[in-house]
Amino acid sequence: MNSFVCVENKKTGIEEAIETEKLKQALVEDKNSIKKYFVMYAKADFDDEDTRNQVLEYFVDKIYVYNDRLVITWYYSDDKTSIDLDALTELQKHLNLTR
């Protein structure tokens, strides 16, 4: 009976090691796909509406519009970004000047 318990313990250890390796592989694949995504958009044309929409869909969960500000919630962070209307106005002026 003692050797049976020993074999069962080894089996459990091997199964746990296999699961660990599967998780490591999944993380590597996920890391590579994320890297590929960033590389793809590093030189993207953000004047293209489809490109902007894809980036928003990938990162932005919700955008709340108020009279004086925007609040943006992100998929990959618990942070909420609040942008006041004055900052948006300044950004729009700057964008108009650079075009």
Foldseek 3Di string as FASTA:
>chain_A
DVVVVVVVVVVVVVVVVVVVVVVVVVVVVVVVVVVVVCVVCVPDDPVDPVSVVVVCVQWWDDWDDDPFWIWTQTPPDRDIDIGTPVNVVVVVVVVVVVD
